[in-house]
Amino acid sequence: MKRYEFEHGVMIPVSLPREKNKGCCKLTSLGQLSDSEGLYCLDSNALEVQSKKLSQEEQEFFSRDVENGNAVLINLNWGTVDQWKERLEKKKIDKKRVHLLALGDVGSTVLTALKLLGGDCIETLGIFDMNENVCKRWESELNQAAFPWDYDRMPEVVILKEEELFLCDMFVFCASKGIPPVGAEVKDVRMVQFEANRGIISIFAKKARESGFQGLFAVVSDPVDPLCKAAFLASNTDESGNFDGKGLLPEQVQGYGLGVMNARAAYYAKKEERFSSFLKEGRAYGPHGQDLVIANSIEAYDDSLSKELTQLAIDANLRTRDLGFKPYVAPAISSAAISLILTLQGEWHYSSNFLGGVFMGCKNRSTPWGLEMESLPLPKQLFDRVEKAFRGLEEIK
């Protein structure tokens, strides 16, 4: 293995299959150098085992880079060393252009929250909806929301033409159809939406490919995790249906659904003392749906308590539907707006990212050295639950 210097540190190149591996990521463990990426990357115990596969010389050669925290693992199957150097040294701007597609219940709530919360990291909020009057309404209403004598404190909302959707730093996909009405007997509403929304997201993923989009393709619509994979595959498929890798990089696609599941677990942890360990020690993994994994604690993991808290978080949306309302406000704020802002700021948050061919939800952040996924010493019972969720995502075609 070799190493190459760039503005922020060093690049360590590998050549791994594009269908299963990201283009680049931050190197936080020697174990990442030993094999294709997989679920083991979330478990520091497993990463330690993987690191033993390297020769003593390799361990000594790269250990300093891991300790310094300035190393990027780059995949040469997604670009040459020079191409990666150019990407990683691309000048970063303080405030980003964020464009939203579709302003239904979810999209308009996300837009409102981003307007209120994004003043320090969002330059403009571009909006597009098939209903032109919806765009005019939100441009008018939200640009009339302002702090007195500080009229530029919040980002301006601007109406986009469809061809301008990908002239931005972050594209937020909020389009959706096929949502079961309140009162419908549906166990997992999200999967009912998959077939309908997959067709829509594939269209816009191909548009991103055609435009050479270099920003983040953020998926908010349900089911978040399978739709991320659908977008990734559609953008990298040619007219003959062949995977050619000429579209979005795997790390350019992120799904925003896990944030609200974490917040729902925290909601119940505040209500019942026996769940309170979650508030300081808990974690959330997996998809925004039935295979969700909530851990009450990593160091003091309690399997039965964690599963009970998991089920409460999963069923929380049903409680809102029982009241006669669609449960979109908390997801739009916790999963989308707050998590999108934390992403732009490079802060830790919950979202789904490409890992071994699927989009897996976990705690992560964006850094100058690529995506960093949190790895912790996961107890076996917890790892088994996370693996079950991972396998379930693999099975969704």
Protein backbone atom coordinates (compact mmCIF):
# COMPACT_ATOMS: atom_id res chain seq x y z
CA MET A 1 0.00 0.00 0.00
CA LYS A 2 1.05 3.57 -0.72
CA ARG A 3 0.14 6.94 0.68
CA TYR A 4 -0.20 10.34 -0.99
CA GLU A 5 -0.27 13.76 0.62
CA PHE A 6 -3.01 16.31 0.01
CA GLU A 7 -3.96 19.65 1.58
CA HIS A 8 -5.62 18.21 4.70
CA GLY A 9 -3.51 15.10 5.28
CA VAL A 10 -2.83 11.84 3.46
CA MET A 11 -4.71 9.62 1.03
CA ILE A 12 -4.34 5.84 1.21
CA PRO A 13 -5.57 4.16 -1.99
CA VAL A 14 -7.31 0.79 -2.26
CA SER A 15 -9.14 -0.89 -5.14
CA LEU A 16 -12.48 -2.35 -4.06
CA PRO A 17 -15.70 -3.22 -5.92
CA ARG A 18 -17.85 -0.15 -6.53
CA GLU A 19 -21.13 -1.93 -5.84
CA LYS A 20 -20.10 -2.66 -2.23
CA ASN A 21 -17.65 0.10 -1.26
CA LYS A 22 -17.69 3.88 -0.90
CA GLY A 23 -15.47 6.16 -2.91
CA CYS A 24 -13.75 7.52 0.18
CA CYS A 25 -14.07 7.60 3.95
CA LYS A 26 -12.07 8.73 6.93
CA LEU A 27 -9.55 6.14 8.13
CA THR A 28 -10.17 5.66 11.86
CA SER A 29 -8.93 2.07 12.27
CA LEU A 30 -6.30 -0.13 10.63
CA GLY A 31 -9.06 -2.73 10.31
CA GLN A 32 -10.57 -0.71 7.46
CA LEU A 33 -7.50 -1.49 5.34
CA SER A 34 -7.84 -5.25 5.52
CA ASP A 35 -11.01 -5.98 3.56
CA SER A 36 -14.09 -4.64 1.76
CA GLU A 37 -16.28 -2.54 4.01
CA GLY A 38 -19.09 -4.22 5.89
CA LEU A 39 -21.09 -4.21 9.09
CA TYR A 40 -17.91 -4.92 11.08
CA CYS A 41 -16.96 -1.27 10.52
CA LEU A 42 -19.48 -0.25 13.20
CA ASP A 43 -17.93 -2.56 15.81
CA SER A 44 -14.54 -1.52 17.21
CA ASN A 45 -13.97 -5.05 18.51
CA ALA A 46 -14.39 -6.48 15.01
CA LEU A 47 -12.19 -3.74 13.52
CA GLU A 48 -9.42 -4.70 15.93
CA VAL A 49 -9.65 -8.32 14.76
CA GLN A 50 -9.56 -7.19 11.12
CA SER A 51 -6.43 -5.09 11.74
CA LYS A 52 -4.52 -8.27 12.66
CA LYS A 53 -4.81 -9.37 9.03
CA LEU A 54 -2.31 -6.67 8.07
CA SER A 55 1.39 -7.40 8.18
CA GLN A 56 3.42 -5.96 11.04
CA GLU A 57 5.11 -3.66 8.55
CA GLU A 58 1.76 -2.35 7.27
CA GLN A 59 0.46 -1.81 10.81
CA GLU A 60 3.53 0.22 11.73
CA PHE A 61 3.47 2.16 8.46
CA PHE A 62 -0.14 3.37 8.76
CA SER A 63 -0.68 3.51 12.52
CA ARG A 64 0.65 7.08 12.73
CA ASP A 65 -1.89 8.23 10.11
CA VAL A 66 -4.75 6.71 12.10
CA GLU A 67 -3.47 8.35 15.29
CA ASN A 68 -3.14 11.73 13.59
CA GLY A 69 -6.73 11.52 12.36
CA ASN A 70 -5.93 13.04 8.96
CA ALA A 71 -6.04 10.02 6.65
CA VAL A 72 -8.53 9.30 3.87
CA LEU A 73 -9.17 5.85 2.46
CA ILE A 74 -9.77 6.39 -1.28
CA ASN A 75 -11.15 3.79 -3.67
CA LEU A 76 -9.38 3.89 -7.05
CA ASN A 77 -12.37 2.21 -8.69
CA TRP A 78 -14.25 5.48 -8.09
CA GLY A 79 -11.47 7.77 -9.34
CA THR A 80 -7.73 8.25 -9.78
CA VAL A 81 -5.43 9.64 -7.09
CA ASP A 82 -5.40 13.01 -8.90
CA GLN A 83 -9.20 13.06 -9.14
CA TRP A 84 -9.52 12.32 -5.45
CA LYS A 85 -6.97 14.99 -4.60
CA GLU A 86 -9.01 17.53 -6.56
CA ARG A 87 -12.26 16.45 -4.87
CA LEU A 88 -10.82 16.53 -1.37
CA GLU A 89 -9.12 19.90 -1.86
CA LYS A 90 -12.19 21.55 -3.35
CA LYS A 91 -12.71 24.83 -1.56
CA LYS A 92 -15.39 24.60 1.14
CA ILE A 93 -17.84 27.47 1.54
CA ASP A 94 -19.32 28.58 4.84
CA LYS A 95 -22.94 28.72 3.73
CA LYS A 96 -24.56 26.21 1.40
CA ARG A 97 -27.32 26.29 -1.17
CA VAL A 98 -30.04 23.81 -0.21
CA HIS A 99 -32.73 22.84 -2.72
CA LEU A 100 -35.95 20.99 -1.81
CA LEU A 101 -38.14 18.95 -4.11
CA ALA A 102 -41.87 18.81 -3.23
CA LEU A 103 -43.67 20.87 -0.61
CA GLY A 104 -46.35 18.60 0.80
CA ASP A 105 -46.84 18.12 4.53
CA VAL A 106 -43.30 16.84 5.05
CA GLY A 107 -41.51 19.10 2.60
CA SER A 108 -43.15 22.30 3.85
CA THR A 109 -42.38 21.39 7.47
CA VAL A 110 -38.75 20.63 6.59
CA LEU A 111 -38.55 23.94 4.72
CA THR A 112 -39.98 25.91 7.65
CA ALA A 113 -37.60 24.30 10.14
CA LEU A 114 -34.57 24.87 7.88
CA LYS A 115 -35.60 28.52 7.50
CA LEU A 116 -35.75 28.93 11.28
CA LEU A 117 -32.65 26.92 12.19
CA GLY A 118 -30.28 27.22 9.25
CA GLY A 119 -29.17 30.84 9.30
CA ASP A 120 -25.54 30.10 10.09
CA CYS A 121 -24.98 27.42 7.43
CA ILE A 122 -27.58 27.91 4.66
CA GLU A 123 -27.26 30.70 2.10
CA THR A 124 -30.52 30.11 0.21
CA LEU A 125 -33.39 27.62 0.29
CA GLY A 126 -34.46 26.77 -3.24
CA ILE A 127 -37.90 25.19 -3.67
CA PHE A 128 -39.61 23.31 -6.48
CA ASP A 129 -43.05 21.70 -6.62
CA MET A 130 -45.25 20.64 -9.50
CA ASN A 131 -47.90 23.02 -8.14
CA GLU A 132 -46.56 26.49 -8.92
CA ASN A 133 -48.94 28.15 -6.46
CA VAL A 134 -47.53 26.05 -3.62
CA CYS A 135 -44.08 27.46 -4.37
CA LYS A 136 -45.46 31.01 -4.52
CA ARG A 137 -47.22 30.50 -1.19
CA TRP A 138 -44.11 29.32 0.67
CA GLU A 139 -41.80 31.87 -0.94
CA SER A 140 -44.17 34.61 0.15
CA GLU A 141 -45.00 33.33 3.63
CA LEU A 142 -41.50 32.35 4.73
CA ASN A 143 -39.78 35.43 3.30
CA GLN A 144 -42.28 37.49 5.32
CA ALA A 145 -41.00 35.73 8.45
CA ALA A 146 -38.08 37.81 9.75
CA PHE A 147 -36.36 39.16 12.83
CA PRO A 148 -36.91 42.91 13.20
CA TRP A 149 -33.90 45.01 12.08
CA ASP A 150 -31.99 41.81 11.21
CA TYR A 151 -33.67 40.91 7.94
CA ASP A 152 -30.94 38.65 6.57
CA ARG A 153 -30.60 36.53 9.71
CA MET A 154 -32.51 33.62 8.15
CA PRO A 155 -31.89 32.17 4.68
CA GLU A 156 -33.97 33.48 1.80
CA VAL A 157 -36.44 31.14 0.07
CA VAL A 158 -36.23 31.22 -3.74
CA ILE A 159 -38.43 29.51 -6.34
CA LEU A 160 -36.56 27.24 -8.75
CA LYS A 161 -37.08 26.06 -12.28
CA GLU A 162 -36.83 22.28 -12.58
CA GLU A 163 -33.55 22.52 -14.49
CA GLU A 164 -32.04 24.43 -11.53
CA LEU A 165 -32.72 21.70 -8.94
CA PHE A 166 -29.15 20.37 -8.94
CA LEU A 167 -27.35 23.72 -8.94
CA CYS A 168 -26.79 23.41 -5.21
CA ASP A 169 -24.72 21.86 -2.45
CA MET A 170 -27.53 19.75 -0.98
CA PHE A 171 -30.58 18.40 -2.79
CA VAL A 172 -33.40 17.27 -0.46
CA PHE A 173 -35.86 14.73 -1.88
CA CYS A 174 -39.25 15.09 -0.15
CA ALA A 175 -41.50 13.85 -2.96
CA SER A 176 -43.93 11.10 -2.04
CA LYS A 177 -47.13 9.41 -3.09
CA GLY A 178 -49.14 6.42 -1.97
CA ILE A 179 -49.30 7.35 1.73
CA PRO A 180 -52.08 5.23 3.30
CA PRO A 181 -54.88 7.39 4.71
CA VAL A 182 -55.37 7.75 8.44
CA GLY A 183 -57.44 4.78 9.63
CA ALA A 184 -56.01 2.33 7.10
CA GLU A 185 -54.88 -0.94 8.68
CA VAL A 186 -51.25 -0.98 7.61
CA LYS A 187 -48.48 -2.46 9.78
CA ASP A 188 -45.59 -0.63 8.11
CA VAL A 189 -46.72 2.43 6.18
CA ARG A 190 -43.21 3.04 4.86
CA MET A 191 -42.93 -0.11 2.80
CA VAL A 192 -46.33 0.54 1.21
CA GLN A 193 -44.80 3.70 -0.22
CA PHE A 194 -41.69 2.00 -1.62
CA GLU A 195 -42.97 0.99 -5.04
CA ALA A 196 -44.58 4.37 -5.72
CA ASN A 197 -41.64 6.45 -4.51
CA ARG A 198 -38.93 4.31 -6.11
CA GLY A 199 -40.07 5.37 -9.56
CA ILE A 200 -40.01 9.06 -8.63
CA ILE A 201 -36.60 9.03 -6.98
CA SER A 202 -35.08 7.10 -9.89
CA ILE A 203 -36.11 9.88 -12.26
CA PHE A 204 -34.38 12.55 -10.19
CA ALA A 205 -31.33 10.39 -9.52
CA LYS A 206 -30.84 10.16 -13.28
CA LYS A 207 -31.23 13.92 -13.53
CA ALA A 208 -28.48 14.25 -10.92
CA ARG A 209 -26.29 11.98 -13.08
CA GLU A 210 -26.99 14.02 -16.21
CA SER A 211 -26.15 17.28 -14.47
CA GLY A 212 -22.89 15.96 -12.99
CA PHE A 213 -24.16 16.80 -9.51
CA GLN A 214 -21.34 17.05 -6.95
CA GLY A 215 -23.37 17.79 -3.82
CA LEU A 216 -25.28 15.66 -1.33
CA PHE A 217 -28.43 13.84 -2.45
CA ALA A 218 -30.48 13.74 0.77
CA VAL A 219 -33.45 11.38 0.94
CA VAL A 220 -36.26 12.27 3.35
CA SER A 221 -39.18 10.38 1.77
CA ASP A 222 -40.14 6.92 3.07
CA PRO A 223 -38.90 4.26 3.11
CA VAL A 224 -35.63 6.17 3.44
CA ASP A 225 -33.07 3.36 3.33
CA PRO A 226 -34.34 1.39 0.29
CA LEU A 227 -34.95 4.65 -1.57
CA CYS A 228 -31.31 5.65 -1.01
CA LYS A 229 -30.21 2.43 -2.66
CA ALA A 230 -32.70 2.95 -5.50
CA ALA A 231 -31.29 6.45 -6.10
CA PHE A 232 -27.69 5.24 -6.02
CA LEU A 233 -28.35 2.41 -8.47
CA ALA A 234 -30.51 4.49 -10.84
CA SER A 235 -27.88 7.23 -11.06
CA ASN A 236 -25.15 4.68 -11.87
CA THR A 237 -27.08 2.73 -14.51
CA ASP A 238 -26.72 3.45 -18.23
CA GLU A 239 -29.49 3.40 -20.83
CA SER A 240 -28.96 -0.34 -21.35
CA GLY A 241 -29.48 -1.08 -17.67
CA ASN A 242 -25.81 -1.71 -16.90
CA PHE A 243 -24.09 -0.46 -13.74
CA ASP A 244 -21.33 1.86 -14.98
CA GLY A 245 -20.41 3.94 -11.91
CA LYS A 246 -20.82 7.24 -13.74
CA GLY A 247 -23.40 8.74 -11.42
CA LEU A 248 -23.52 9.62 -7.75
CA LEU A 249 -20.76 8.35 -5.50
CA PRO A 250 -22.12 6.11 -2.72
CA GLU A 251 -21.27 8.71 -0.08
CA GLN A 252 -23.16 11.40 -2.01
CA VAL A 253 -26.43 9.74 -1.02
CA GLN A 254 -27.67 9.89 2.57
CA GLY A 255 -31.01 8.96 4.10
CA TYR A 256 -32.68 10.94 6.84
CA GLY A 257 -35.07 8.76 8.83
CA LEU A 258 -33.23 7.53 11.91
CA GLY A 259 -33.14 10.85 13.74
CA VAL A 260 -36.81 10.70 14.73
CA MET A 261 -36.52 7.10 15.92
CA ASN A 262 -33.73 8.20 18.23
CA ALA A 263 -35.85 11.16 19.37
CA ARG A 264 -38.86 8.91 19.99
CA ALA A 265 -36.74 6.59 22.11
CA ALA A 266 -35.57 9.64 24.07
CA TYR A 267 -39.21 10.73 24.49
CA TYR A 268 -40.11 7.48 26.23
CA ALA A 269 -36.81 7.40 28.13
CA LYS A 270 -37.79 10.72 29.69
CA LYS A 271 -41.17 9.35 30.70
CA GLU A 272 -39.97 6.13 32.36
CA GLU A 273 -36.98 5.98 34.71
CA ARG A 274 -36.07 2.41 33.72
CA PHE A 275 -35.24 3.63 30.20
CA SER A 276 -33.30 6.69 31.39
CA SER A 277 -29.85 5.22 30.60
CA PHE A 278 -30.67 5.75 26.92
CA LEU A 279 -30.51 9.54 27.33
CA LYS A 280 -26.75 9.49 27.98
CA GLU A 281 -25.59 6.06 26.84
CA GLY A 282 -28.06 4.93 24.17
CA ARG A 283 -27.69 4.49 20.43
CA ALA A 284 -29.92 3.90 17.41
CA TYR A 285 -29.08 1.72 14.39
CA GLY A 286 -30.68 0.46 11.24
CA PRO A 287 -33.66 1.58 9.19
CA HIS A 288 -36.53 3.92 9.89
CA GLY A 289 -39.00 1.03 10.26
CA GLN A 290 -39.69 -2.41 11.70
CA ASP A 291 -36.01 -3.49 11.85
CA LEU A 292 -35.01 -0.49 13.95
CA VAL A 293 -32.45 -1.21 16.69
CA ILE A 294 -32.46 0.89 19.87
CA ALA A 295 -29.79 0.13 22.50
CA ASN A 296 -30.41 1.40 26.01
CA SER A 297 -26.63 1.54 26.56
CA ILE A 298 -23.45 0.21 24.97
CA GLU A 299 -21.47 -0.48 28.15
CA ALA A 300 -24.46 -1.69 30.21
CA TYR A 301 -26.56 -3.17 27.41
CA ASP A 302 -29.87 -4.74 28.48
CA ASP A 303 -31.37 -6.74 25.63
CA SER A 304 -34.96 -7.01 26.87
CA LEU A 305 -35.11 -3.36 27.97
CA SER A 306 -33.65 -2.25 24.65
CA LYS A 307 -36.15 -4.29 22.65
CA GLU A 308 -39.04 -2.85 24.64
CA LEU A 309 -37.83 0.69 24.04
CA THR A 310 -37.31 -0.15 20.36
CA GLN A 311 -40.92 -1.26 20.00
CA LEU A 312 -42.19 1.91 21.67
CA ALA A 313 -40.21 3.99 19.16
CA ILE A 314 -41.47 1.90 16.23
CA ASP A 315 -45.12 2.20 17.31
CA ALA A 316 -45.00 5.91 18.13
CA ASN A 317 -46.25 6.89 14.68
CA LEU A 318 -49.24 4.56 15.10
CA ARG A 319 -50.21 6.39 18.29
CA THR A 320 -50.40 9.63 16.31
CA ARG A 321 -52.44 7.96 13.58
CA ASP A 322 -54.79 6.62 16.27
CA LEU A 323 -55.48 10.24 17.21
CA GLY A 324 -56.50 10.90 13.62
CA PHE A 325 -53.37 12.65 12.36
CA LYS A 326 -50.53 11.84 9.98
CA PRO A 327 -47.27 11.60 11.98
CA TYR A 328 -45.05 13.83 9.87
CA VAL A 329 -44.02 16.75 12.10
CA ALA A 330 -41.49 14.96 14.33
CA PRO A 331 -39.83 13.14 11.38
CA ALA A 332 -39.63 16.35 9.34
CA ILE A 333 -37.89 18.14 12.22
CA SER A 334 -35.80 15.44 13.95
CA SER A 335 -34.88 13.19 11.03
CA ALA A 336 -34.70 15.85 8.36
CA ALA A 337 -34.21 19.50 9.31
CA ILE A 338 -32.05 19.08 12.42
CA SER A 339 -30.01 16.23 10.93
CA LEU A 340 -29.53 18.06 7.61
CA ILE A 341 -28.19 21.10 9.42
CA LEU A 342 -25.83 18.96 11.53
CA THR A 343 -24.63 17.34 8.31
CA LEU A 344 -23.86 20.73 6.77
CA GLN A 345 -22.02 21.73 9.94
CA GLY A 346 -19.94 18.53 10.02
CA GLU A 347 -21.43 17.55 13.39
CA TRP A 348 -22.40 14.08 14.64
CA HIS A 349 -25.94 13.07 13.72
CA TYR A 350 -28.05 10.10 12.66
CA SER A 351 -28.50 9.25 8.99
CA SER A 352 -28.23 6.25 6.67
CA ASN A 353 -25.02 5.83 4.70
CA PHE A 354 -23.63 3.34 2.20
CA LEU A 355 -22.06 0.36 3.93
CA GLY A 356 -21.29 -2.89 2.16
CA GLY A 357 -23.92 -2.36 -0.52
CA VAL A 358 -26.83 -1.17 1.64
CA PHE A 359 -27.72 2.11 3.33
CA MET A 360 -27.40 1.59 7.07
CA GLY A 361 -28.45 4.05 9.74
CA CYS A 362 -25.94 4.97 12.46
CA LYS A 363 -24.24 7.91 14.14
CA ASN A 364 -21.88 9.63 11.69
CA ARG A 365 -20.44 12.93 10.52
CA SER A 366 -18.87 14.54 7.46
CA THR A 367 -15.20 15.55 7.78
CA PRO A 368 -12.49 17.00 5.49
CA TRP A 369 -11.20 13.40 5.31
CA GLY A 370 -14.52 11.89 4.23
CA LEU A 371 -17.45 10.28 6.00
CA GLU A 372 -16.81 9.00 9.52
CA MET A 373 -19.10 6.34 10.97
CA GLU A 374 -18.97 5.82 14.72
CA SER A 375 -17.53 2.46 15.79
CA LEU A 376 -18.11 1.19 19.33
CA PRO A 377 -17.41 -2.10 21.15
CA LEU A 378 -20.82 -3.64 20.50
CA PRO A 379 -22.03 -6.43 22.83
CA LYS A 380 -22.78 -9.64 20.91
CA GLN A 381 -26.54 -9.51 21.53
CA LEU A 382 -26.63 -5.97 20.19
CA PHE A 383 -24.42 -6.77 17.19
CA ASP A 384 -26.72 -9.70 16.33
CA ARG A 385 -29.71 -7.34 16.28
CA VAL A 386 -27.84 -4.83 14.10
CA GLU A 387 -26.78 -7.64 11.76
CA LYS A 388 -30.40 -8.82 11.43
CA ALA A 389 -31.42 -5.30 10.43
CA PHE A 390 -28.52 -5.15 7.94
CA ARG A 391 -29.52 -8.49 6.35
CA GLY A 392 -33.11 -7.28 6.10
CA LEU A 393 -31.98 -4.23 4.14
CA GLU A 394 -29.90 -6.46 1.88
CA GLU A 395 -33.00 -8.48 0.96
CA ILE A 396 -34.96 -5.45 -0.28
CA LYS A 397 -34.59 -5.36 -4.05
